[in-house]
Amino acid sequence: MRSQPDDSPVHISQEACNFARTAYRALFVEVNLTPKPGLVDRHNTGAHHDMELSHFYRSARAIGVWLPRFIKRGYEDAALPATQQLARLRPLGMACENHMFRATGGINTHKGSIFSLGLLCAAFGRLQRQQRALNAEALCAETAAMCQGLVERELRHTKGWQTVAQRLFAAHKLSGARGAAESGFRLVVGGALPLYRQRLMAGYD
């Protein structure tokens, strides 16, 4: 499997380029947010003794070149049902992960971010091609449609060996990144994002 993108340019609109750039910038904003108890930030590495800030910077740069490709894939697949999109994104996501691991020396810094941002970028491409609204609510709703049934398929119905995510779901019903995506990032759209917008309006950064 290809571990880094080829050198051919990705032809997407300026609006799509801006969205990919915003997603890329989010990777840096998140890791630099301080303090984040238990997580890596600018002051300490929290519970992560195998990684530090520089790993996240290298990882983000590696991931950044893939984000326009997620948008392009969604744009090209926009005529397909949303439920078929996730399977078509997996090879791209796995290649992006491999690029991340090469950049970090095998350390998992952004696997969840690749999943979430890859989905949102693909959703952007789909909505743009379909000439639908491009806002946070529409992007998250399209992500939910793309991930319909994901928790049921990958966490609930398992046999034999289980991943950590599957064990957590079986024991505590924690659906993790899959559940968040399938819900259309409900906690973000319904809670964190309105508060964030409110604080920005109040003059906070």
C-alpha atoms as a PDB file:
ATOM      1  CA  MET A   1       0.000   0.000   0.000  1.00  0.00           C
ATOM      2  CA  ARG A   2       1.247   3.474  -0.866  1.00  0.00           C
ATOM      3  CA  SER A   3       2.504   5.209   2.287  1.00  0.00           C
ATOM      4  CA  GLN A   4       2.743   8.666   0.800  1.00  0.00           C
ATOM      5  CA  PRO A   5       0.804  10.456  -1.929  1.00  0.00           C
ATOM      6  CA  ASP A   6       2.152  10.619  -5.461  1.00  0.00           C
ATOM      7  CA  ASP A   7       3.442  13.920  -6.777  1.00  0.00           C
ATOM      8  CA  SER A   8       0.494  14.598  -9.067  1.00  0.00           C
ATOM      9  CA  PRO A   9      -1.390  17.784  -8.131  1.00  0.00           C
ATOM     10  CA  VAL A  10      -4.843  17.512  -6.593  1.00  0.00           C
ATOM     11  CA  HIS A  11      -7.249  19.675  -8.564  1.00  0.00           C
ATOM     12  CA  ILE A  12      -9.950  21.008  -6.263  1.00  0.00           C
ATOM     13  CA  SER A  13     -11.677  24.380  -6.001  1.00  0.00           C
ATOM     14  CA  GLN A  14     -10.275  27.297  -4.045  1.00  0.00           C
ATOM     15  CA  GLU A  15     -13.093  26.873  -1.525  1.00  0.00           C
ATOM     16  CA  ALA A  16     -12.112  23.227  -1.076  1.00  0.00           C
ATOM     17  CA  CYS A  17      -8.445  24.214  -0.706  1.00  0.00           C
ATOM     18  CA  ASN A  18      -9.439  26.636   2.019  1.00  0.00           C
ATOM     19  CA  PHE A  19     -11.358  23.905   3.837  1.00  0.00           C
ATOM     20  CA  ALA A  20      -8.415  21.487   3.611  1.00  0.00           C
ATOM     21  CA  ARG A  21      -6.155  24.241   4.948  1.00  0.00           C
ATOM     22  CA  THR A  22      -8.532  24.841   7.852  1.00  0.00           C
ATOM     23  CA  ALA A  23      -8.540  21.118   8.683  1.00  0.00           C
ATOM     24  CA  TYR A  24      -4.738  21.124   8.543  1.00  0.00           C
ATOM     25  CA  ARG A  25      -4.532  24.147  10.833  1.00  0.00           C
ATOM     26  CA  ALA A  26      -6.893  22.435  13.287  1.00  0.00           C
ATOM     27  CA  LEU A  27      -4.285  19.720  13.861  1.00  0.00           C
ATOM     28  CA  PHE A  28      -1.843  22.343  15.156  1.00  0.00           C
ATOM     29  CA  VAL A  29      -4.427  24.319  17.109  1.00  0.00           C
ATOM     30  CA  GLU A  30      -5.566  21.177  18.935  1.00  0.00           C
ATOM     31  CA  VAL A  31      -2.150  20.021  20.087  1.00  0.00           C
ATOM     32  CA  ASN A  32      -1.108  23.544  21.125  1.00  0.00           C
ATOM     33  CA  LEU A  33      -4.236  24.052  23.218  1.00  0.00           C
ATOM     34  CA  THR A  34      -2.928  24.289  26.784  1.00  0.00           C
ATOM     35  CA  PRO A  35      -3.599  22.994  29.365  1.00  0.00           C
ATOM     36  CA  LYS A  36      -5.076  19.612  28.388  1.00  0.00           C
ATOM     37  CA  PRO A  37      -4.820  17.366  31.485  1.00  0.00           C
ATOM     38  CA  GLY A  38      -3.601  13.900  30.541  1.00  0.00           C
ATOM     39  CA  LEU A  39      -2.876  14.871  26.941  1.00  0.00           C
ATOM     40  CA  VAL A  40       0.102  16.302  25.101  1.00  0.00           C
ATOM     41  CA  ASP A  41       0.210  20.104  25.133  1.00  0.00           C
ATOM     42  CA  ARG A  42       2.845  22.845  25.122  1.00  0.00           C
ATOM     43  CA  HIS A  43       3.699  22.311  28.809  1.00  0.00           C
ATOM     44  CA  ASN A  44       3.826  18.532  29.220  1.00  0.00           C
ATOM     45  CA  THR A  45       3.093  15.165  27.627  1.00  0.00           C
ATOM     46  CA  GLY A  46       0.380  14.118  30.069  1.00  0.00           C
ATOM     47  CA  ALA A  47      -0.094  10.365  30.216  1.00  0.00           C
ATOM     48  CA  HIS A  48       1.754   9.851  26.919  1.00  0.00           C
ATOM     49  CA  HIS A  49       5.345   8.977  27.703  1.00  0.00           C
ATOM     50  CA  ASP A  50       6.155   7.886  24.144  1.00  0.00           C
ATOM     51  CA  MET A  51       5.371  11.173  22.386  1.00  0.00           C
ATOM     52  CA  GLU A  52       5.943  14.906  22.601  1.00  0.00           C
ATOM     53  CA  LEU A  53       4.890  18.066  20.778  1.00  0.00           C
ATOM     54  CA  SER A  54       7.380  17.583  17.936  1.00  0.00           C
ATOM     55  CA  HIS A  55       5.823  14.219  17.054  1.00  0.00           C
ATOM     56  CA  PHE A  56       2.481  15.945  16.536  1.00  0.00           C
ATOM     57  CA  TYR A  57       4.036  18.613  14.325  1.00  0.00           C
ATOM     58  CA  ARG A  58       5.687  16.013  12.089  1.00  0.00           C
ATOM     59  CA  SER A  59       2.496  13.975  12.010  1.00  0.00           C
ATOM     60  CA  ALA A  60       0.337  16.988  11.103  1.00  0.00           C
ATOM     61  CA  ARG A  61       2.626  17.887   8.211  1.00  0.00           C
ATOM     62  CA  ALA A  62       2.435  14.313   6.939  1.00  0.00           C
ATOM     63  CA  ILE A  63      -1.366  14.250   7.176  1.00  0.00           C
ATOM     64  CA  GLY A  64      -1.829  17.671   5.596  1.00  0.00           C
ATOM     65  CA  VAL A  65      -0.945  16.513   2.092  1.00  0.00           C
ATOM     66  CA  TRP A  66      -3.735  13.925   2.216  1.00  0.00           C
ATOM     67  CA  LEU A  67      -6.613  16.176   3.247  1.00  0.00           C
ATOM     68  CA  PRO A  68      -7.278  17.552  -0.274  1.00  0.00           C
ATOM     69  CA  ARG A  69      -7.386  13.949  -1.485  1.00  0.00           C
ATOM     70  CA  PHE A  70     -10.211  13.127   0.920  1.00  0.00           C
ATOM     71  CA  ILE A  71     -12.131  16.102  -0.461  1.00  0.00           C
ATOM     72  CA  LYS A  72     -11.473  14.996  -4.034  1.00  0.00           C
ATOM     73  CA  ARG A  73     -12.642  11.447  -3.272  1.00  0.00           C
ATOM     74  CA  GLY A  74     -15.892  12.737  -1.808  1.00  0.00           C
ATOM     75  CA  TYR A  75     -16.368  15.073  -4.775  1.00  0.00           C
ATOM     76  CA  GLU A  76     -15.805  12.273  -7.282  1.00  0.00           C
ATOM     77  CA  ASP A  77     -18.120   9.897  -5.394  1.00  0.00           C
ATOM     78  CA  ALA A  78     -20.909  12.414  -4.789  1.00  0.00           C
ATOM     79  CA  ALA A  79     -23.344  10.579  -7.077  1.00  0.00           C
ATOM     80  CA  LEU A  80     -23.044   7.420  -4.960  1.00  0.00           C
ATOM     81  CA  PRO A  81     -25.229   6.846  -1.883  1.00  0.00           C
ATOM     82  CA  ALA A  82     -23.626   8.220   1.277  1.00  0.00           C
ATOM     83  CA  THR A  83     -23.642   4.723   2.793  1.00  0.00           C
ATOM     84  CA  GLN A  84     -21.150   3.568   0.130  1.00  0.00           C
ATOM     85  CA  GLN A  85     -18.667   6.348   0.789  1.00  0.00           C
ATOM     86  CA  LEU A  86     -16.938   5.047   3.920  1.00  0.00           C
ATOM     87  CA  ALA A  87     -15.676   1.859   2.271  1.00  0.00           C
ATOM     88  CA  ARG A  88     -14.243   3.911  -0.586  1.00  0.00           C
ATOM     89  CA  LEU A  89     -12.402   6.155   1.877  1.00  0.00           C
ATOM     90  CA  ARG A  90     -10.733   3.336   3.814  1.00  0.00           C
ATOM     91  CA  PRO A  91      -7.767   2.744   1.455  1.00  0.00           C
ATOM     92  CA  LEU A  92      -7.036   6.472   1.459  1.00  0.00           C
ATOM     93  CA  GLY A  93      -7.307   6.618   5.247  1.00  0.00           C
ATOM     94  CA  MET A  94      -4.990   3.647   5.709  1.00  0.00           C
ATOM     95  CA  ALA A  95      -2.413   5.154   3.360  1.00  0.00           C
ATOM     96  CA  CYS A  96      -2.605   8.422   5.300  1.00  0.00           C
ATOM     97  CA  GLU A  97      -2.092   6.505   8.560  1.00  0.00           C
ATOM     98  CA  ASN A  98       0.988   4.808   7.128  1.00  0.00           C
ATOM     99  CA  HIS A  99       2.393   8.205   6.201  1.00  0.00           C
ATOM    100  CA  MET A 100       1.736   9.403   9.759  1.00  0.00           C
ATOM    101  CA  PHE A 101       3.526   6.384  11.258  1.00  0.00           C
ATOM    102  CA  ARG A 102       6.519   6.934   8.973  1.00  0.00           C
ATOM    103  CA  ALA A 103       6.722  10.550  10.125  1.00  0.00           C
ATOM    104  CA  THR A 104       6.524   9.685  13.836  1.00  0.00           C
ATOM    105  CA  GLY A 105       8.618   6.541  13.912  1.00  0.00           C
ATOM    106  CA  GLY A 106       5.610   4.316  14.546  1.00  0.00           C
ATOM    107  CA  ILE A 107       3.847   6.470  17.165  1.00  0.00           C
ATOM    108  CA  ASN A 108       0.082   6.940  16.859  1.00  0.00           C
ATOM    109  CA  THR A 109      -0.438  10.676  17.242  1.00  0.00           C
ATOM    110  CA  HIS A 110      -3.398  11.370  14.962  1.00  0.00           C
ATOM    111  CA  LYS A 111      -5.226   8.176  14.001  1.00  0.00           C
ATOM    112  CA  GLY A 112      -8.516   9.524  15.367  1.00  0.00           C
ATOM    113  CA  SER A 113      -7.971  12.866  13.666  1.00  0.00           C
ATOM    114  CA  ILE A 114      -7.367  11.170  10.325  1.00  0.00           C
ATOM    115  CA  PHE A 115     -10.676   9.349  10.750  1.00  0.00           C
ATOM    116  CA  SER A 116     -12.667  12.431  11.747  1.00  0.00           C
ATOM    117  CA  LEU A 117     -11.071  14.980   9.431  1.00  0.00           C
ATOM    118  CA  GLY A 118     -10.996  12.514   6.544  1.00  0.00           C
ATOM    119  CA  LEU A 119     -14.743  12.026   6.895  1.00  0.00           C
ATOM    120  CA  LEU A 120     -15.431  15.756   7.151  1.00  0.00           C
ATOM    121  CA  CYS A 121     -13.245  16.501   4.129  1.00  0.00           C
ATOM    122  CA  ALA A 122     -15.027  13.829   2.089  1.00  0.00           C
ATOM    123  CA  ALA A 123     -18.370  15.217   3.251  1.00  0.00           C
ATOM    124  CA  PHE A 124     -17.265  18.655   2.040  1.00  0.00           C
ATOM    125  CA  GLY A 125     -16.454  17.250  -1.390  1.00  0.00           C
ATOM    126  CA  ARG A 126     -19.801  15.474  -1.617  1.00  0.00           C
ATOM    127  CA  LEU A 127     -21.818  18.511  -0.563  1.00  0.00           C
ATOM    128  CA  GLN A 128     -19.908  20.815  -2.888  1.00  0.00           C
ATOM    129  CA  ARG A 129     -20.489  18.544  -5.885  1.00  0.00           C
ATOM    130  CA  GLN A 130     -24.167  18.246  -4.979  1.00  0.00           C
ATOM    131  CA  GLN A 131     -24.392  22.049  -4.625  1.00  0.00           C
ATOM    132  CA  ARG A 132     -25.743  21.760  -1.103  1.00  0.00           C
ATOM    133  CA  ALA A 133     -25.141  23.960   1.938  1.00  0.00           C
ATOM    134  CA  LEU A 134     -21.576  24.011   3.231  1.00  0.00           C
ATOM    135  CA  ASN A 135     -21.787  24.616   6.971  1.00  0.00           C
ATOM    136  CA  ALA A 136     -20.912  22.708  10.120  1.00  0.00           C
ATOM    137  CA  GLU A 137     -24.386  21.255  10.553  1.00  0.00           C
ATOM    138  CA  ALA A 138     -24.596  20.031   6.948  1.00  0.00           C
ATOM    139  CA  LEU A 139     -21.079  18.562   7.046  1.00  0.00           C
ATOM    140  CA  CYS A 140     -21.826  16.648  10.238  1.00  0.00           C
ATOM    141  CA  ALA A 141     -25.180  15.407   8.928  1.00  0.00           C
ATOM    142  CA  GLU A 142     -23.469  14.098   5.781  1.00  0.00           C
ATOM    143  CA  THR A 143     -20.827  12.406   7.930  1.00  0.00           C
ATOM    144  CA  ALA A 144     -23.595  10.697   9.917  1.00  0.00           C
ATOM    145  CA  ALA A 145     -25.158   9.454   6.680  1.00  0.00           C
ATOM    146  CA  MET A 146     -21.798   8.108   5.505  1.00  0.00           C
ATOM    147  CA  CYS A 147     -21.286   6.257   8.811  1.00  0.00           C
ATOM    148  CA  GLN A 148     -24.802   4.837   9.180  1.00  0.00           C
ATOM    149  CA  GLY A 149     -24.620   1.451  10.928  1.00  0.00           C
ATOM    150  CA  LEU A 150     -20.891   1.709  11.658  1.00  0.00           C
ATOM    151  CA  VAL A 151     -21.108   0.986  15.393  1.00  0.00           C
ATOM    152  CA  GLU A 152     -23.387  -1.985  14.783  1.00  0.00           C
ATOM    153  CA  ARG A 153     -21.061  -3.455  12.151  1.00  0.00           C
ATOM    154  CA  GLU A 154     -17.710  -2.891  13.816  1.00  0.00           C
ATOM    155  CA  LEU A 155     -18.312  -2.790  17.565  1.00  0.00           C
ATOM    156  CA  ARG A 156     -21.486  -4.624  18.471  1.00  0.00           C
ATOM    157  CA  HIS A 157     -21.263  -7.748  16.331  1.00  0.00           C
ATOM    158  CA  THR A 158     -17.816  -9.194  16.942  1.00  0.00           C
ATOM    159  CA  LYS A 159     -16.554 -12.728  17.281  1.00  0.00           C
ATOM    160  CA  GLY A 160     -13.282 -14.031  18.639  1.00  0.00           C
ATOM    161  CA  TRP A 161     -10.392 -11.579  19.049  1.00  0.00           C
ATOM    162  CA  GLN A 162     -11.461  -8.043  19.908  1.00  0.00           C
ATOM    163  CA  THR A 163      -9.806  -4.673  19.498  1.00  0.00           C
ATOM    164  CA  VAL A 164      -9.514  -2.261  22.428  1.00  0.00           C
ATOM    165  CA  ALA A 165     -12.452  -0.287  21.006  1.00  0.00           C
ATOM    166  CA  GLN A 166     -14.586  -3.426  20.805  1.00  0.00           C
ATOM    167  CA  ARG A 167     -13.754  -4.412  24.377  1.00  0.00           C
ATOM    168  CA  LEU A 168     -14.627  -0.932  25.664  1.00  0.00           C
ATOM    169  CA  PHE A 169     -17.928  -1.023  23.828  1.00  0.00           C
ATOM    170  CA  ALA A 170     -18.753  -4.490  25.171  1.00  0.00           C
ATOM    171  CA  ALA A 171     -17.919  -3.512  28.752  1.00  0.00           C
ATOM    172  CA  HIS A 172     -19.078   0.098  28.951  1.00  0.00           C
ATOM    173  CA  LYS A 173     -21.012   0.862  25.728  1.00  0.00           C
ATOM    174  CA  LEU A 174     -18.402   3.474  24.797  1.00  0.00           C
ATOM    175  CA  SER A 175     -18.599   3.829  21.025  1.00  0.00           C
ATOM    176  CA  GLY A 176     -15.609   6.158  20.665  1.00  0.00           C
ATOM    177  CA  ALA A 177     -14.738   7.817  17.364  1.00  0.00           C
ATOM    178  CA  ARG A 178     -17.097   5.576  15.409  1.00  0.00           C
ATOM    179  CA  GLY A 179     -20.061   6.526  17.557  1.00  0.00           C
ATOM    180  CA  ALA A 180     -19.165  10.204  17.409  1.00  0.00           C
ATOM    181  CA  ALA A 181     -19.018  10.107  13.614  1.00  0.00           C
ATOM    182  CA  GLU A 182     -22.206   8.066  13.258  1.00  0.00           C
ATOM    183  CA  SER A 183     -24.023  10.576  15.469  1.00  0.00           C
ATOM    184  CA  GLY A 184     -22.862  13.390  13.189  1.00  0.00           C
ATOM    185  CA  PHE A 185     -20.602  14.641  15.985  1.00  0.00           C
ATOM    186  CA  ARG A 186     -23.714  15.411  17.996  1.00  0.00           C
ATOM    187  CA  LEU A 187     -21.854  16.603  21.098  1.00  0.00           C
ATOM    188  CA  VAL A 188     -19.839  19.027  18.991  1.00  0.00           C
ATOM    189  CA  VAL A 189     -22.731  20.436  16.964  1.00  0.00           C
ATOM    190  CA  GLY A 190     -25.135  20.509  19.899  1.00  0.00           C
ATOM    191  CA  GLY A 191     -22.760  21.608  22.645  1.00  0.00           C
ATOM    192  CA  ALA A 192     -19.148  22.544  22.007  1.00  0.00           C
ATOM    193  CA  LEU A 193     -19.610  24.447  18.741  1.00  0.00           C
ATOM    194  CA  PRO A 194     -22.401  26.764  19.951  1.00  0.00           C
ATOM    195  CA  LEU A 195     -20.364  27.552  23.070  1.00  0.00           C
ATOM    196  CA  TYR A 196     -17.249  28.164  20.974  1.00  0.00           C
ATOM    197  CA  ARG A 197     -19.147  30.555  18.700  1.00  0.00           C
ATOM    198  CA  GLN A 198     -20.613  32.291  21.734  1.00  0.00           C
ATOM    199  CA  ARG A 199     -17.175  32.827  23.251  1.00  0.00           C
ATOM    200  CA  LEU A 200     -15.800  34.149  19.971  1.00  0.00           C
ATOM    201  CA  MET A 201     -18.658  36.645  19.811  1.00  0.00           C
ATOM    202  CA  ALA A 202     -17.772  37.708  23.359  1.00  0.00           C
ATOM    203  CA  GLY A 203     -14.251  38.561  22.234  1.00  0.00           C
ATOM    204  CA  TYR A 204     -12.332  35.472  23.344  1.00  0.00           C
ATOM    205  CA  ASP A 205      -9.844  33.754  21.048  1.00  0.00           C
END
